[in-house]
Amino acid sequence: MILVWAGLALVVLKLLEIGPIAEWAWWWVLAPFALGLVWFEWGEKLLGLDRQSTDQDVHELRRKERVAGQFRGKAAAASKRSKDKSR
């Protein structure tokens, strides 16, 4: 996120023609945005820092627990029915 803020600051400085940044080429001013894109698209995923994969892991675990609980409930109900029929 720091790259996005740095890019924003550089764009403002370039547009207002403040300091030496006014003389820089636009490629250098927009470079932090490109680096931020690279970081958010590939860097976080390679290092396992992306929140989406963490959220997906949590949701997958909850889904498995929910499904297992439903099957346990059905198995218990079926065994109860079979006991009732044998009486």
PDB file of N, CA and C in Angstrom:
ATOM      1  N   MET A   1       0.819  -1.185   0.000  1.00  0.00           N
ATOM      2  CA  MET A   1       0.000   0.000   0.000  1.00  0.00           C
ATOM      3  C   MET A   1       0.866   1.252   0.000  1.00  0.00           C
ATOM      4  N   ILE A   2       2.070   1.100   0.551  1.00  0.00           N
ATOM      5  CA  ILE A   2       2.971   2.250   0.597  1.00  0.00           C
ATOM      6  C   ILE A   2       3.354   2.687  -0.814  1.00  0.00           C
ATOM      7  N   LEU A   3       3.415   1.740  -1.740  1.00  0.00           N
ATOM      8  CA  LEU A   3       3.752   2.092  -3.121  1.00  0.00           C
ATOM      9  C   LEU A   3       2.650   2.936  -3.763  1.00  0.00           C
ATOM     10  N   VAL A   4       1.422   2.628  -3.446  1.00  0.00           N
ATOM     11  CA  VAL A   4       0.301   3.399  -3.998  1.00  0.00           C
ATOM     12  C   VAL A   4       0.333   4.828  -3.449  1.00  0.00           C
ATOM     13  N   TRP A   5       0.566   4.975  -2.147  1.00  0.00           N
ATOM     14  CA  TRP A   5       0.638   6.310  -1.553  1.00  0.00           C
ATOM     15  C   TRP A   5       1.829   7.094  -2.103  1.00  0.00           C
ATOM     16  N   ALA A   6       2.966   6.414  -2.277  1.00  0.00           N
ATOM     17  CA  ALA A   6       4.142   7.094  -2.852  1.00  0.00           C
ATOM     18  C   ALA A   6       3.849   7.541  -4.280  1.00  0.00           C
ATOM     19  N   GLY A   7       3.186   6.685  -5.047  1.00  0.00           N
ATOM     20  CA  GLY A   7       2.820   7.052  -6.416  1.00  0.00           C
ATOM     21  C   GLY A   7       1.886   8.234  -6.451  1.00  0.00           C
ATOM     22  N   LEU A   8       0.926   8.246  -5.553  1.00  0.00           N
ATOM     23  CA  LEU A   8      -0.018   9.365  -5.482  1.00  0.00           C
ATOM     24  C   LEU A   8       0.701  10.667  -5.135  1.00  0.00           C
ATOM     25  N   ALA A   9       1.619  10.605  -4.185  1.00  0.00           N
ATOM     26  CA  ALA A   9       2.378  11.800  -3.810  1.00  0.00           C
ATOM     27  C   ALA A   9       3.225  12.295  -4.983  1.00  0.00           C
ATOM     28  N   LEU A  10       3.845  11.381  -5.713  1.00  0.00           N
ATOM     29  CA  LEU A  10       4.658  11.782  -6.862  1.00  0.00           C
ATOM     30  C   LEU A  10       3.808  12.415  -7.961  1.00  0.00           C
ATOM     31  N   VAL A  11       2.627  11.879  -8.199  1.00  0.00           N
ATOM     32  CA  VAL A  11       1.740  12.453  -9.223  1.00  0.00           C
ATOM     33  C   VAL A  11       1.336  13.878  -8.826  1.00  0.00           C
ATOM     34  N   VAL A  12       0.990  14.063  -7.567  1.00  0.00           N
ATOM     35  CA  VAL A  12       0.601  15.402  -7.105  1.00  0.00           C
ATOM     36  C   VAL A  12       1.768  16.371  -7.253  1.00  0.00           C
ATOM     37  N   LEU A  13       2.958  15.947  -6.843  1.00  0.00           N
ATOM     38  CA  LEU A  13       4.129  16.809  -6.966  1.00  0.00           C
ATOM     39  C   LEU A  13       4.452  17.132  -8.423  1.00  0.00           C
ATOM     40  N   LYS A  14       4.266  16.150  -9.289  1.00  0.00           N
ATOM     41  CA  LYS A  14       4.521  16.368 -10.720  1.00  0.00           C
ATOM     42  C   LYS A  14       3.501  17.341 -11.301  1.00  0.00           C
ATOM     43  N   LEU A  15       2.235  17.171 -10.968  1.00  0.00           N
ATOM     44  CA  LEU A  15       1.198  18.050 -11.509  1.00  0.00           C
ATOM     45  C   LEU A  15       1.335  19.484 -10.999  1.00  0.00           C
ATOM     46  N   LEU A  16       1.749  19.620  -9.749  1.00  0.00           N
ATOM     47  CA  LEU A  16       1.920  20.956  -9.180  1.00  0.00           C
ATOM     48  C   LEU A  16       3.301  21.550  -9.495  1.00  0.00           C
ATOM     49  N   GLU A  17       4.114  20.748 -10.185  1.00  0.00           N
ATOM     50  CA  GLU A  17       5.468  21.160 -10.582  1.00  0.00           C
ATOM     51  C   GLU A  17       6.288  21.643  -9.398  1.00  0.00           C
ATOM     52  N   ILE A  18       6.349  20.802  -8.384  1.00  0.00           N
ATOM     53  CA  ILE A  18       7.078  21.114  -7.163  1.00  0.00           C
ATOM     54  C   ILE A  18       8.386  20.328  -7.145  1.00  0.00           C
ATOM     55  N   GLY A  19       9.485  21.038  -6.893  1.00  0.00           N
ATOM     56  CA  GLY A  19      10.791  20.413  -6.715  1.00  0.00           C
ATOM     57  C   GLY A  19      11.315  19.737  -7.962  1.00  0.00           C
ATOM     58  N   PRO A  20      12.285  18.855  -7.758  1.00  0.00           N
ATOM     59  CA  PRO A  20      12.912  18.183  -8.905  1.00  0.00           C
ATOM     60  C   PRO A  20      11.985  17.177  -9.589  1.00  0.00           C
ATOM     61  N   ILE A  21      10.930  16.797  -8.933  1.00  0.00           N
ATOM     62  CA  ILE A  21       9.998  15.825  -9.508  1.00  0.00           C
ATOM     63  C   ILE A  21       9.300  16.397 -10.731  1.00  0.00           C
ATOM     64  N   ALA A  22       9.187  17.696 -10.798  1.00  0.00           N
ATOM     65  CA  ALA A  22       8.566  18.349 -11.952  1.00  0.00           C
ATOM     66  C   ALA A  22       9.344  18.072 -13.232  1.00  0.00           C
ATOM     67  N   GLU A  23      10.630  17.812 -13.107  1.00  0.00           N
ATOM     68  CA  GLU A  23      11.475  17.548 -14.271  1.00  0.00           C
ATOM     69  C   GLU A  23      11.557  16.068 -14.621  1.00  0.00           C
ATOM     70  N   TRP A  24      11.062  15.204 -13.762  1.00  0.00           N
ATOM     71  CA  TRP A  24      11.133  13.770 -14.017  1.00  0.00           C
ATOM     72  C   TRP A  24      10.202  13.388 -15.157  1.00  0.00           C
ATOM     73  N   ALA A  25      10.541  12.326 -15.838  1.00  0.00           N
ATOM     74  CA  ALA A  25       9.655  11.769 -16.859  1.00  0.00           C
ATOM     75  C   ALA A  25       8.479  11.088 -16.158  1.00  0.00           C
ATOM     76  N   TRP A  26       7.358  11.022 -16.870  1.00  0.00           N
ATOM     77  CA  TRP A  26       6.164  10.401 -16.286  1.00  0.00           C
ATOM     78  C   TRP A  26       6.390   8.929 -15.960  1.00  0.00           C
ATOM     79  N   TRP A  27       7.295   8.268 -16.667  1.00  0.00           N
ATOM     80  CA  TRP A  27       7.570   6.860 -16.386  1.00  0.00           C
ATOM     81  C   TRP A  27       8.036   6.682 -14.946  1.00  0.00           C
ATOM     82  N   TRP A  28       8.903   7.586 -14.486  1.00  0.00           N
ATOM     83  CA  TRP A  28       9.413   7.491 -13.119  1.00  0.00           C
ATOM     84  C   TRP A  28       8.341   7.840 -12.094  1.00  0.00           C
ATOM     85  N   VAL A  29       7.481   8.744 -12.449  1.00  0.00           N
ATOM     86  CA  VAL A  29       6.419   9.156 -11.526  1.00  0.00           C
ATOM     87  C   VAL A  29       5.385   8.036 -11.361  1.00  0.00           C
ATOM     88  N   LEU A  30       5.094   7.339 -12.440  1.00  0.00           N
ATOM     89  CA  LEU A  30       4.076   6.279 -12.394  1.00  0.00           C
ATOM     90  C   LEU A  30       4.645   4.910 -12.014  1.00  0.00           C
ATOM     91  N   ALA A  31       5.955   4.802 -11.889  1.00  0.00           N
ATOM     92  CA  ALA A  31       6.596   3.523 -11.556  1.00  0.00           C
ATOM     93  C   ALA A  31       6.083   2.911 -10.241  1.00  0.00           C
ATOM     94  N   PRO A  32       5.852   3.683  -9.187  1.00  0.00           N
ATOM     95  CA  PRO A  32       5.338   3.049  -7.948  1.00  0.00           C
ATOM     96  C   PRO A  32       3.992   2.353  -8.147  1.00  0.00           C
ATOM     97  N   PHE A  33       3.148   2.873  -9.040  1.00  0.00           N
ATOM     98  CA  PHE A  33       1.871   2.196  -9.307  1.00  0.00           C
ATOM     99  C   PHE A  33       2.103   0.842  -9.970  1.00  0.00           C
ATOM    100  N   ALA A  34       3.052   0.789 -10.892  1.00  0.00           N
ATOM    101  CA  ALA A  34       3.370  -0.479 -11.560  1.00  0.00           C
ATOM    102  C   ALA A  34       3.952  -1.470 -10.560  1.00  0.00           C
ATOM    103  N   LEU A  35       4.840  -0.983  -9.701  1.00  0.00           N
ATOM    104  CA  LEU A  35       5.410  -1.871  -8.686  1.00  0.00           C
ATOM    105  C   LEU A  35       4.337  -2.348  -7.701  1.00  0.00           C
ATOM    106  N   GLY A  36       3.404  -1.476  -7.366  1.00  0.00           N
ATOM    107  CA  GLY A  36       2.296  -1.873  -6.489  1.00  0.00           C
ATOM    108  C   GLY A  36       1.432  -2.939  -7.129  1.00  0.00           C
ATOM    109  N   LEU A  37       1.182  -2.798  -8.420  1.00  0.00           N
ATOM    110  CA  LEU A  37       0.404  -3.807  -9.143  1.00  0.00           C
ATOM    111  C   LEU A  37       1.112  -5.156  -9.117  1.00  0.00           C
ATOM    112  N   VAL A  38       2.406  -5.131  -9.383  1.00  0.00           N
ATOM    113  CA  VAL A  38       3.182  -6.372  -9.357  1.00  0.00           C
ATOM    114  C   VAL A  38       3.127  -6.993  -7.966  1.00  0.00           C
ATOM    115  N   TRP A  39       3.278  -6.167  -6.942  1.00  0.00           N
ATOM    116  CA  TRP A  39       3.248  -6.684  -5.576  1.00  0.00           C
ATOM    117  C   TRP A  39       1.897  -7.301  -5.234  1.00  0.00           C
ATOM    118  N   PHE A  40       0.807  -6.576  -5.526  1.00  0.00           N
ATOM    119  CA  PHE A  40      -0.513  -7.075  -5.143  1.00  0.00           C
ATOM    120  C   PHE A  40      -0.951  -8.274  -5.972  1.00  0.00           C
ATOM    121  N   GLU A  41      -0.506  -8.369  -7.206  1.00  0.00           N
ATOM    122  CA  GLU A  41      -0.926  -9.482  -8.058  1.00  0.00           C
ATOM    123  C   GLU A  41      -0.084 -10.739  -7.868  1.00  0.00           C
ATOM    124  N   TRP A  42       1.226 -10.575  -7.681  1.00  0.00           N
ATOM    125  CA  TRP A  42       2.090 -11.759  -7.636  1.00  0.00           C
ATOM    126  C   TRP A  42       2.868 -11.892  -6.335  1.00  0.00           C
ATOM    127  N   GLY A  43       3.364 -10.803  -5.818  1.00  0.00           N
ATOM    128  CA  GLY A  43       4.204 -10.875  -4.618  1.00  0.00           C
ATOM    129  C   GLY A  43       3.508 -11.456  -3.412  1.00  0.00           C
ATOM    130  N   GLU A  44       2.323 -10.974  -3.137  1.00  0.00           N
ATOM    131  CA  GLU A  44       1.585 -11.485  -1.981  1.00  0.00           C
ATOM    132  C   GLU A  44       1.223 -12.950  -2.146  1.00  0.00           C
ATOM    133  N   LYS A  45       0.851 -13.335  -3.338  1.00  0.00           N
ATOM    134  CA  LYS A  45       0.466 -14.733  -3.566  1.00  0.00           C
ATOM    135  C   LYS A  45       1.666 -15.657  -3.423  1.00  0.00           C
ATOM    136  N   LEU A  46       2.822 -15.216  -3.922  1.00  0.00           N
ATOM    137  CA  LEU A  46       4.017 -16.046  -3.814  1.00  0.00           C
ATOM    138  C   LEU A  46       4.456 -16.218  -2.363  1.00  0.00           C
ATOM    139  N   LEU A  47       4.279 -15.197  -1.562  1.00  0.00           N
ATOM    140  CA  LEU A  47       4.681 -15.257  -0.159  1.00  0.00           C
ATOM    141  C   LEU A  47       3.559 -15.742   0.755  1.00  0.00           C
ATOM    142  N   GLY A  48       2.370 -15.971   0.198  1.00  0.00           N
ATOM    143  CA  GLY A  48       1.248 -16.457   0.994  1.00  0.00           C
ATOM    144  C   GLY A  48       0.636 -15.392   1.887  1.00  0.00           C
ATOM    145  N   LEU A  49       0.747 -14.136   1.498  1.00  0.00           N
ATOM    146  CA  LEU A  49       0.230 -13.053   2.321  1.00  0.00           C
ATOM    147  C   LEU A  49      -1.144 -12.575   1.889  1.00  0.00           C
ATOM    148  N   ASP A  50      -1.663 -13.120   0.810  1.00  0.00           N
ATOM    149  CA  ASP A  50      -2.949 -12.626   0.319  1.00  0.00           C
ATOM    150  C   ASP A  50      -4.080 -13.100   1.216  1.00  0.00           C
ATOM    151  N   ARG A  51      -4.958 -12.194   1.515  1.00  0.00           N
ATOM    152  CA  ARG A  51      -6.046 -12.451   2.446  1.00  0.00           C
ATOM    153  C   ARG A  51      -7.068 -13.420   1.861  1.00  0.00           C
ATOM    154  N   GLN A  52      -7.235 -13.395   0.562  1.00  0.00           N
ATOM    155  CA  GLN A  52      -8.250 -14.229  -0.053  1.00  0.00           C
ATOM    156  C   GLN A  52      -7.961 -15.707   0.179  1.00  0.00           C
ATOM    157  N   SER A  53      -6.705 -16.126   0.063  1.00  0.00           N
ATOM    158  CA  SER A  53      -6.402 -17.542   0.272  1.00  0.00           C
ATOM    159  C   SER A  53      -6.633 -17.930   1.728  1.00  0.00           C
ATOM    160  N   THR A  54      -6.347 -17.027   2.649  1.00  0.00           N
ATOM    161  CA  THR A  54      -6.600 -17.302   4.063  1.00  0.00           C
ATOM    162  C   THR A  54      -8.094 -17.441   4.306  1.00  0.00           C
ATOM    163  N   ASP A  55      -8.873 -16.538   3.735  1.00  0.00           N
ATOM    164  CA  ASP A  55     -10.319 -16.616   3.885  1.00  0.00           C
ATOM    165  C   ASP A  55     -10.871 -17.891   3.260  1.00  0.00           C
ATOM    166  N   GLN A  56     -10.350 -18.288   2.118  1.00  0.00           N
ATOM    167  CA  GLN A  56     -10.815 -19.501   1.467  1.00  0.00           C
ATOM    168  C   GLN A  56     -10.508 -20.723   2.322  1.00  0.00           C
ATOM    169  N   ASP A  57      -9.348 -20.744   2.979  1.00  0.00           N
ATOM    170  CA  ASP A  57      -9.003 -21.857   3.857  1.00  0.00           C
ATOM    171  C   ASP A  57      -9.980 -21.953   5.027  1.00  0.00           C
ATOM    172  N   VAL A  58     -10.324 -20.815   5.600  1.00  0.00           N
ATOM    173  CA  VAL A  58     -11.256 -20.798   6.733  1.00  0.00           C
ATOM    174  C   VAL A  58     -12.641 -21.268   6.280  1.00  0.00           C
ATOM    175  N   HIS A  59     -13.099 -20.775   5.136  1.00  0.00           N
ATOM    176  CA  HIS A  59     -14.414 -21.175   4.636  1.00  0.00           C
ATOM    177  C   HIS A  59     -14.448 -22.659   4.284  1.00  0.00           C
ATOM    178  N   GLU A  60     -13.361 -23.177   3.734  1.00  0.00           N
ATOM    179  CA  GLU A  60     -13.306 -24.602   3.390  1.00  0.00           C
ATOM    180  C   GLU A  60     -13.366 -25.456   4.653  1.00  0.00           C
ATOM    181  N   LEU A  61     -12.666 -25.055   5.692  1.00  0.00           N
ATOM    182  CA  LEU A  61     -12.697 -25.791   6.952  1.00  0.00           C
ATOM    183  C   LEU A  61     -14.090 -25.768   7.567  1.00  0.00           C
ATOM    184  N   ARG A  62     -14.735 -24.602   7.557  1.00  0.00           N
ATOM    185  CA  ARG A  62     -16.099 -24.508   8.091  1.00  0.00           C
ATOM    186  C   ARG A  62     -17.068 -25.356   7.278  1.00  0.00           C
ATOM    187  N   ARG A  63     -16.902 -25.374   5.954  1.00  0.00           N
ATOM    188  CA  ARG A  63     -17.786 -26.169   5.111  1.00  0.00           C
ATOM    189  C   ARG A  63     -17.631 -27.650   5.427  1.00  0.00           C
ATOM    190  N   LYS A  64     -16.394 -28.106   5.577  1.00  0.00           N
ATOM    191  CA  LYS A  64     -16.164 -29.519   5.890  1.00  0.00           C
ATOM    192  C   LYS A  64     -16.768 -29.897   7.233  1.00  0.00           C
ATOM    193  N   GLU A  65     -16.630 -29.012   8.219  1.00  0.00           N
ATOM    194  CA  GLU A  65     -17.221 -29.279   9.533  1.00  0.00           C
ATOM    195  C   GLU A  65     -18.741 -29.324   9.450  1.00  0.00           C
ATOM    196  N   ARG A  66     -19.325 -28.419   8.674  1.00  0.00           N
ATOM    197  CA  ARG A  66     -20.779 -28.372   8.530  1.00  0.00           C
ATOM    198  C   ARG A  66     -21.298 -29.629   7.841  1.00  0.00           C
ATOM    199  N   VAL A  67     -20.619 -30.051   6.781  1.00  0.00           N
ATOM    200  CA  VAL A  67     -21.044 -31.245   6.056  1.00  0.00           C
ATOM    201  C   VAL A  67     -20.889 -32.482   6.932  1.00  0.00           C
ATOM    202  N   ALA A  68     -19.773 -32.564   7.648  1.00  0.00           N
ATOM    203  CA  ALA A  68     -19.569 -33.712   8.531  1.00  0.00           C
ATOM    204  C   ALA A  68     -20.639 -33.753   9.621  1.00  0.00           C
ATOM    205  N   GLY A  69     -21.003 -32.601  10.145  1.00  0.00           N
ATOM    206  CA  GLY A  69     -22.051 -32.541  11.164  1.00  0.00           C
ATOM    207  C   GLY A  69     -23.398 -32.975  10.633  1.00  0.00           C
ATOM    208  N   GLN A  70     -23.700 -32.613   9.400  1.00  0.00           N
ATOM    209  CA  GLN A  70     -24.974 -33.015   8.809  1.00  0.00           C
ATOM    210  C   GLN A  70     -25.023 -34.521   8.598  1.00  0.00           C
ATOM    211  N   PHE A  71     -23.916 -35.118   8.181  1.00  0.00           N
ATOM    212  CA  PHE A  71     -23.911 -36.562   7.973  1.00  0.00           C
ATOM    213  C   PHE A  71     -23.983 -37.303   9.295  1.00  0.00           C
ATOM    214  N   ARG A  72     -23.349 -36.764  10.332  1.00  0.00           N
ATOM    215  CA  ARG A  72     -23.460 -37.395  11.648  1.00  0.00           C
ATOM    216  C   ARG A  72     -24.902 -37.334  12.126  1.00  0.00           C
ATOM    217  N   GLY A  73     -25.559 -36.207  11.880  1.00  0.00           N
ATOM    218  CA  GLY A  73     -26.957 -36.066  12.291  1.00  0.00           C
ATOM    219  C   GLY A  73     -27.857 -37.030  11.533  1.00  0.00           C
ATOM    220  N   LYS A  74     -27.634 -37.216  10.253  1.00  0.00           N
ATOM    221  CA  LYS A  74     -28.441 -38.139   9.452  1.00  0.00           C
ATOM    222  C   LYS A  74     -28.184 -39.577   9.870  1.00  0.00           C
ATOM    223  N   ALA A  75     -26.933 -39.905  10.172  1.00  0.00           N
ATOM    224  CA  ALA A  75     -26.609 -41.271  10.591  1.00  0.00           C
ATOM    225  C   ALA A  75     -27.267 -41.586  11.931  1.00  0.00           C
ATOM    226  N   ALA A  76     -27.261 -40.604  12.832  1.00  0.00           N
ATOM    227  CA  ALA A  76     -27.888 -40.821  14.139  1.00  0.00           C
ATOM    228  C   ALA A  76     -29.400 -40.972  13.979  1.00  0.00           C
ATOM    229  N   ALA A  77     -29.998 -40.173  13.116  1.00  0.00           N
ATOM    230  CA  ALA A  77     -31.441 -40.260  12.892  1.00  0.00           C
ATOM    231  C   ALA A  77     -31.804 -41.590  12.243  1.00  0.00           C
ATOM    232  N   ALA A  78     -30.984 -42.067  11.318  1.00  0.00           N
ATOM    233  CA  ALA A  78     -31.260 -43.337  10.649  1.00  0.00           C
ATOM    234  C   ALA A  78     -31.136 -44.499  11.623  1.00  0.00           C
ATOM    235  N   SER A  79     -30.151 -44.458  12.492  1.00  0.00           N
ATOM    236  CA  SER A  79     -30.001 -45.549  13.463  1.00  0.00           C
ATOM    237  C   SER A  79     -31.149 -45.530  14.474  1.00  0.00           C
ATOM    238  N   LYS A  80     -31.639 -44.340  14.812  1.00  0.00           N
ATOM    239  CA  LYS A  80     -32.762 -44.235  15.729  1.00  0.00           C
ATOM    240  C   LYS A  80     -34.015 -44.806  15.085  1.00  0.00           C
ATOM    241  N   ARG A  81     -34.199 -44.520  13.765  1.00  0.00           N
ATOM    242  CA  ARG A  81     -35.360 -45.057  13.063  1.00  0.00           C
ATOM    243  C   ARG A  81     -35.302 -46.585  12.982  1.00  0.00           C
ATOM    244  N   SER A  82     -34.117 -47.101  12.749  1.00  0.00           N
ATOM    245  CA  SER A  82     -34.010 -48.564  12.638  1.00  0.00           C
ATOM    246  C   SER A  82     -34.282 -49.225  13.990  1.00  0.00           C
ATOM    247  N   LYS A  83     -33.898 -48.543  15.071  1.00  0.00           N
ATOM    248  CA  LYS A  83     -34.177 -49.100  16.406  1.00  0.00           C
ATOM    249  C   LYS A  83     -35.684 -49.061  16.670  1.00  0.00           C
ATOM    250  N   ASP A  84     -36.358 -48.012  16.235  1.00  0.00           N
ATOM    251  CA  ASP A  84     -37.799 -47.879  16.435  1.00  0.00           C
ATOM    252  C   ASP A  84     -38.550 -48.944  15.639  1.00  0.00           C
ATOM    253  N   LYS A  85     -38.064 -49.270  14.457  1.00  0.00           N
ATOM    254  CA  LYS A  85     -38.737 -50.276  13.631  1.00  0.00           C
ATOM    255  C   LYS A  85     -38.592 -51.670  14.216  1.00  0.00           C
ATOM    256  N   SER A  86     -37.484 -51.950  14.881  1.00  0.00           N
ATOM    257  CA  SER A  86     -37.254 -53.290  15.427  1.00  0.00           C
ATOM    258  C   SER A  86     -38.116 -53.539  16.657  1.00  0.00           C
ATOM    259  N   ARG A  87     -38.676 -52.513  17.258  1.00  0.00           N
ATOM    260  CA  ARG A  87     -39.506 -52.716  18.450  1.00  0.00           C
ATOM    261  C   ARG A  87     -40.846 -53.181  18.123  1.00  0.00           C
TER     262      ARG A  87
END
